[in-house]
Structure formats: C-alpha cells, structure tokens
Amino acid sequence: MSAAAAKGKGKVVKKKKSSSERKQYYYKLVLSDTCAVCKTPCERGMRYWKRMQEPGAVGKGVPCILTRTYS
C-alpha cells in the first residue's frame, strides 16, 4: 500500500438526488359517484361526472386533487 492510501484522505463527493429520489405527488383515482357527492367539486371532476352520465360511457376514474399526498 502507498502512504496516500493508508491515510484514507480523499475528496468528499456529494451525491445529487436523482429524479427518482425526489418527493413526488400522488393522487387517488376516484370514480364518478365520488365526484357526484364531493363537497368541493372541481372542474375536472364535474367534466368526468357529466361524461359518465351518458349511456354506454366507460371510465377508469380521474385523479382527485383533494387526495394529493407526497412520497
């Protein structure tokens, strides 16, 4: 071993947080029946609710801004 390796001194390297390590918003998906009884209706939810009232409409839900969480 060399003298430099034995001392163990070196530069301190700071790691930057990658995009996967940063906090992200998560929204729950809600169906039209949830939007219909919502106490604070939003424009997106009301549009989805009206669209689901038509016969034969198929929907998978809409992200609700009131259920936003961080992770």
C-alpha atoms as a PDB file:
ATOM      1  CA  MET A   1       0.000   0.000   0.000  1.00  0.00           C
ATOM      2  CA  SER A   2       1.115   3.508  -0.636  1.00  0.00           C
ATOM      3  CA  ALA A   3       1.214   6.218   2.003  1.00  0.00           C
ATOM      4  CA  ALA A   4      -1.725   8.102   0.485  1.00  0.00           C
ATOM      5  CA  ALA A   5      -3.958   5.034   0.513  1.00  0.00           C
ATOM      6  CA  ALA A   6      -3.046   4.247   4.117  1.00  0.00           C
ATOM      7  CA  LYS A   7      -4.123   7.689   5.362  1.00  0.00           C
ATOM      8  CA  GLY A   8      -7.526   7.375   3.709  1.00  0.00           C
ATOM      9  CA  LYS A   9      -7.812  11.064   2.888  1.00  0.00           C
ATOM     10  CA  GLY A  10      -9.602  11.975  -0.248  1.00  0.00           C
ATOM     11  CA  LYS A  11     -12.146  14.357  -1.673  1.00  0.00           C
ATOM     12  CA  VAL A  12     -15.655  14.306  -0.290  1.00  0.00           C
ATOM     13  CA  VAL A  13     -18.133  13.784  -3.092  1.00  0.00           C
ATOM     14  CA  LYS A  14     -21.722  14.943  -2.579  1.00  0.00           C
ATOM     15  CA  LYS A  15     -24.332  12.954  -4.421  1.00  0.00           C
ATOM     16  CA  LYS A  16     -27.140  14.813  -6.131  1.00  0.00           C
ATOM     17  CA  LYS A  17     -30.623  13.453  -5.651  1.00  0.00           C
ATOM     18  CA  SER A  18     -31.825  11.746  -8.756  1.00  0.00           C
ATOM     19  CA  SER A  19     -35.308  12.358 -10.055  1.00  0.00           C
ATOM     20  CA  SER A  20     -36.487   9.069  -8.544  1.00  0.00           C
ATOM     21  CA  GLU A  21     -35.360  10.131  -5.037  1.00  0.00           C
ATOM     22  CA  ARG A  22     -37.222  13.468  -5.017  1.00  0.00           C
ATOM     23  CA  LYS A  23     -40.635  13.772  -3.420  1.00  0.00           C
ATOM     24  CA  GLN A  24     -43.478  13.262  -5.859  1.00  0.00           C
ATOM     25  CA  TYR A  25     -47.176  13.977  -5.756  1.00  0.00           C
ATOM     26  CA  TYR A  26     -49.573  11.045  -5.780  1.00  0.00           C
ATOM     27  CA  TYR A  27     -53.298  11.307  -6.428  1.00  0.00           C
ATOM     28  CA  LYS A  28     -56.002   8.752  -5.750  1.00  0.00           C
ATOM     29  CA  LEU A  29     -58.209   7.790  -8.670  1.00  0.00           C
ATOM     30  CA  VAL A  30     -61.870   8.401  -7.950  1.00  0.00           C
ATOM     31  CA  LEU A  31     -64.934   7.332  -9.877  1.00  0.00           C
ATOM     32  CA  SER A  32     -67.905   9.451 -10.944  1.00  0.00           C
ATOM     33  CA  ASP A  33     -70.015   8.516  -7.903  1.00  0.00           C
ATOM     34  CA  THR A  34     -67.343  10.064  -5.655  1.00  0.00           C
ATOM     35  CA  CYS A  35     -67.309  13.245  -7.752  1.00  0.00           C
ATOM     36  CA  ALA A  36     -71.115  13.448  -7.577  1.00  0.00           C
ATOM     37  CA  VAL A  37     -71.135  13.707  -3.758  1.00  0.00           C
ATOM     38  CA  CYS A  38     -67.955  15.769  -3.373  1.00  0.00           C
ATOM     39  CA  LYS A  39     -68.284  18.767  -1.017  1.00  0.00           C
ATOM     40  CA  THR A  40     -65.742  20.814  -3.023  1.00  0.00           C
ATOM     41  CA  PRO A  41     -66.341  19.918  -6.684  1.00  0.00           C
ATOM     42  CA  CYS A  42     -63.588  20.697  -9.161  1.00  0.00           C
ATOM     43  CA  GLU A  43     -63.909  21.357 -12.871  1.00  0.00           C
ATOM     44  CA  ARG A  44     -62.100  18.159 -13.854  1.00  0.00           C
ATOM     45  CA  GLY A  45     -64.308  16.006 -11.631  1.00  0.00           C
ATOM     46  CA  MET A  46     -67.520  17.597 -12.883  1.00  0.00           C
ATOM     47  CA  ARG A  47     -66.485  17.099 -16.508  1.00  0.00           C
ATOM     48  CA  TYR A  48     -65.797  13.427 -15.771  1.00  0.00           C
ATOM     49  CA  TRP A  49     -69.083  13.039 -13.888  1.00  0.00           C
ATOM     50  CA  LYS A  50     -71.085  14.557 -16.803  1.00  0.00           C
ATOM     51  CA  ARG A  51     -69.283  12.309 -19.301  1.00  0.00           C
ATOM     52  CA  MET A  52     -70.106   9.201 -17.244  1.00  0.00           C
ATOM     53  CA  GLN A  53     -73.822  10.103 -17.168  1.00  0.00           C
ATOM     54  CA  GLU A  54     -74.160   9.332 -20.887  1.00  0.00           C
ATOM     55  CA  PRO A  55     -75.426   5.841 -21.737  1.00  0.00           C
ATOM     56  CA  GLY A  56     -72.654   3.364 -22.504  1.00  0.00           C
ATOM     57  CA  ALA A  57     -69.879   5.526 -21.064  1.00  0.00           C
ATOM     58  CA  VAL A  58     -66.816   3.663 -19.801  1.00  0.00           C
ATOM     59  CA  GLY A  59     -64.364   5.322 -17.460  1.00  0.00           C
ATOM     60  CA  LYS A  60     -61.468   4.303 -15.256  1.00  0.00           C
ATOM     61  CA  GLY A  61     -61.584   7.245 -12.867  1.00  0.00           C
ATOM     62  CA  VAL A  62     -59.984  10.651 -12.615  1.00  0.00           C
ATOM     63  CA  PRO A  63     -57.108  11.798 -10.336  1.00  0.00           C
ATOM     64  CA  CYS A  64     -58.592  13.775  -7.439  1.00  0.00           C
ATOM     65  CA  ILE A  65     -56.632  16.883  -6.447  1.00  0.00           C
ATOM     66  CA  LEU A  66     -58.083  16.717  -2.927  1.00  0.00           C
ATOM     67  CA  THR A  67     -56.298  13.413  -2.249  1.00  0.00           C
ATOM     68  CA  ARG A  68     -52.786  14.629  -3.075  1.00  0.00           C
ATOM     69  CA  THR A  69     -50.025  13.076  -0.960  1.00  0.00           C
ATOM     70  CA  TYR A  70     -46.229  13.254  -1.031  1.00  0.00           C
ATOM     71  CA  SER A  71     -43.872  10.314  -1.165  1.00  0.00           C
END
